[in-house]
Amino acid sequence: MENNHSNNPLHGVTLQKILEELVAFYGFDTLGELIKIRCFNENPSIKSSLTFLRKTDWARKKVEELYIRTLPKLKSN
């Protein structure tokens, strides 16, 4: 059986892990500038952001895209 997930950088990575790594790397201030959603700009927290992102597909997609673009920088640290 062929491994279909080998080229998917999101395979096996939870939304919480993605968000925690992005917040650790950028901080909520920069994250809010890069992705203009309220949960990053007004009283941001991991918990409230996860709640919003789990319900809002377009916002989750933007966060996942930023994570994929940021992965090389995360791996070099």
C-alpha atoms as a PDB file:
ATOM      1  CA  MET A   1       0.000   0.000   0.000  1.00  0.00           C
ATOM      2  CA  GLU A   2       1.357   3.384  -1.014  1.00  0.00           C
ATOM      3  CA  ASN A   3       1.830   6.090   1.604  1.00  0.00           C
ATOM      4  CA  ASN A   4      -0.450   8.909   0.420  1.00  0.00           C
ATOM      5  CA  HIS A   5       0.461  11.149   3.352  1.00  0.00           C
ATOM      6  CA  SER A   6       4.193  11.408   2.741  1.00  0.00           C
ATOM      7  CA  ASN A   7       3.832  14.697   0.846  1.00  0.00           C
ATOM      8  CA  ASN A   8       1.288  16.242   3.212  1.00  0.00           C
ATOM      9  CA  PRO A   9       3.087  18.418   5.794  1.00  0.00           C
ATOM     10  CA  LEU A  10      -0.110  18.630   7.871  1.00  0.00           C
ATOM     11  CA  HIS A  11      -0.521  14.874   8.260  1.00  0.00           C
ATOM     12  CA  GLY A  12      -0.469  13.935  11.924  1.00  0.00           C
ATOM     13  CA  VAL A  13      -0.201  17.551  13.120  1.00  0.00           C
ATOM     14  CA  THR A  14      -3.072  18.799  15.260  1.00  0.00           C
ATOM     15  CA  LEU A  15      -4.574  22.244  14.901  1.00  0.00           C
ATOM     16  CA  GLN A  16      -3.505  22.964  18.469  1.00  0.00           C
ATOM     17  CA  LYS A  17       0.129  22.105  17.672  1.00  0.00           C
ATOM     18  CA  ILE A  18       0.008  24.262  14.528  1.00  0.00           C
ATOM     19  CA  LEU A  19      -1.393  27.209  16.457  1.00  0.00           C
ATOM     20  CA  GLU A  20       1.032  26.825  19.367  1.00  0.00           C
ATOM     21  CA  GLU A  21       4.021  26.740  17.012  1.00  0.00           C
ATOM     22  CA  LEU A  22       2.808  29.782  15.067  1.00  0.00           C
ATOM     23  CA  VAL A  23       2.166  31.753  18.260  1.00  0.00           C
ATOM     24  CA  ALA A  24       5.584  30.783  19.624  1.00  0.00           C
ATOM     25  CA  PHE A  25       7.250  31.836  16.368  1.00  0.00           C
ATOM     26  CA  TYR A  26       5.277  34.997  15.498  1.00  0.00           C
ATOM     27  CA  GLY A  27       3.358  35.964  18.635  1.00  0.00           C
ATOM     28  CA  PHE A  28      -0.311  36.941  18.516  1.00  0.00           C
ATOM     29  CA  ASP A  29       0.480  40.522  17.408  1.00  0.00           C
ATOM     30  CA  THR A  30       2.226  39.478  14.212  1.00  0.00           C
ATOM     31  CA  LEU A  31      -0.154  36.574  13.666  1.00  0.00           C
ATOM     32  CA  GLY A  32      -3.034  39.054  13.816  1.00  0.00           C
ATOM     33  CA  GLU A  33      -1.337  41.197  11.183  1.00  0.00           C
ATOM     34  CA  LEU A  34      -0.673  38.222   8.896  1.00  0.00           C
ATOM     35  CA  ILE A  35      -4.155  36.749   9.280  1.00  0.00           C
ATOM     36  CA  LYS A  36      -6.738  39.385  10.057  1.00  0.00           C
ATOM     37  CA  ILE A  37      -9.190  37.549  12.275  1.00  0.00           C
ATOM     38  CA  ARG A  38     -10.595  38.822  15.555  1.00  0.00           C
ATOM     39  CA  CYS A  39      -9.476  35.861  17.673  1.00  0.00           C
ATOM     40  CA  PHE A  40      -5.840  36.880  17.043  1.00  0.00           C
ATOM     41  CA  ASN A  41      -6.373  40.594  17.644  1.00  0.00           C
ATOM     42  CA  GLU A  42      -8.872  40.955  20.501  1.00  0.00           C
ATOM     43  CA  ASN A  43      -8.021  39.197  23.784  1.00  0.00           C
ATOM     44  CA  PRO A  44      -6.177  36.385  21.992  1.00  0.00           C
ATOM     45  CA  SER A  45      -5.662  32.999  23.558  1.00  0.00           C
ATOM     46  CA  ILE A  46      -4.928  29.522  22.265  1.00  0.00           C
ATOM     47  CA  LYS A  47      -8.256  28.244  23.610  1.00  0.00           C
ATOM     48  CA  SER A  48     -10.455  30.931  22.028  1.00  0.00           C
ATOM     49  CA  SER A  49      -8.539  30.742  18.758  1.00  0.00           C
ATOM     50  CA  LEU A  50      -8.925  26.955  18.601  1.00  0.00           C
ATOM     51  CA  THR A  51     -12.663  27.249  19.234  1.00  0.00           C
ATOM     52  CA  PHE A  52     -13.020  29.744  16.381  1.00  0.00           C
ATOM     53  CA  LEU A  53     -10.731  27.916  13.951  1.00  0.00           C
ATOM     54  CA  ARG A  54     -12.479  24.573  14.491  1.00  0.00           C
ATOM     55  CA  LYS A  55     -15.792  26.164  13.466  1.00  0.00           C
ATOM     56  CA  THR A  56     -14.526  28.360  10.631  1.00  0.00           C
ATOM     57  CA  ASP A  57     -13.055  26.505   7.661  1.00  0.00           C
ATOM     58  CA  TRP A  58     -11.768  29.549   5.754  1.00  0.00           C
ATOM     59  CA  ALA A  59      -9.842  30.815   8.800  1.00  0.00           C
ATOM     60  CA  ARG A  60      -8.423  27.368   9.561  1.00  0.00           C
ATOM     61  CA  LYS A  61      -7.258  27.092   5.945  1.00  0.00           C
ATOM     62  CA  LYS A  62      -5.412  30.428   6.237  1.00  0.00           C
ATOM     63  CA  VAL A  63      -3.698  29.265   9.445  1.00  0.00           C
ATOM     64  CA  GLU A  64      -2.708  25.947   7.843  1.00  0.00           C
ATOM     65  CA  GLU A  65      -1.333  27.758   4.770  1.00  0.00           C
ATOM     66  CA  LEU A  66       0.742  30.076   6.961  1.00  0.00           C
ATOM     67  CA  TYR A  67       2.027  27.068   8.899  1.00  0.00           C
ATOM     68  CA  ILE A  68       3.130  25.350   5.681  1.00  0.00           C
ATOM     69  CA  ARG A  69       4.911  28.527   4.525  1.00  0.00           C
ATOM     70  CA  THR A  70       6.548  28.882   7.958  1.00  0.00           C
ATOM     71  CA  LEU A  71       7.636  25.233   8.307  1.00  0.00           C
ATOM     72  CA  PRO A  72      11.136  25.750   6.813  1.00  0.00           C
ATOM     73  CA  LYS A  73      11.780  28.537   9.338  1.00  0.00           C
ATOM     74  CA  LEU A  74      10.434  26.410  12.207  1.00  0.00           C
ATOM     75  CA  LYS A  75      12.649  23.487  11.256  1.00  0.00           C
ATOM     76  CA  SER A  76      15.756  25.652  11.028  1.00  0.00           C
ATOM     77  CA  ASN A  77      15.307  26.870  14.631  1.00  0.00           C
END
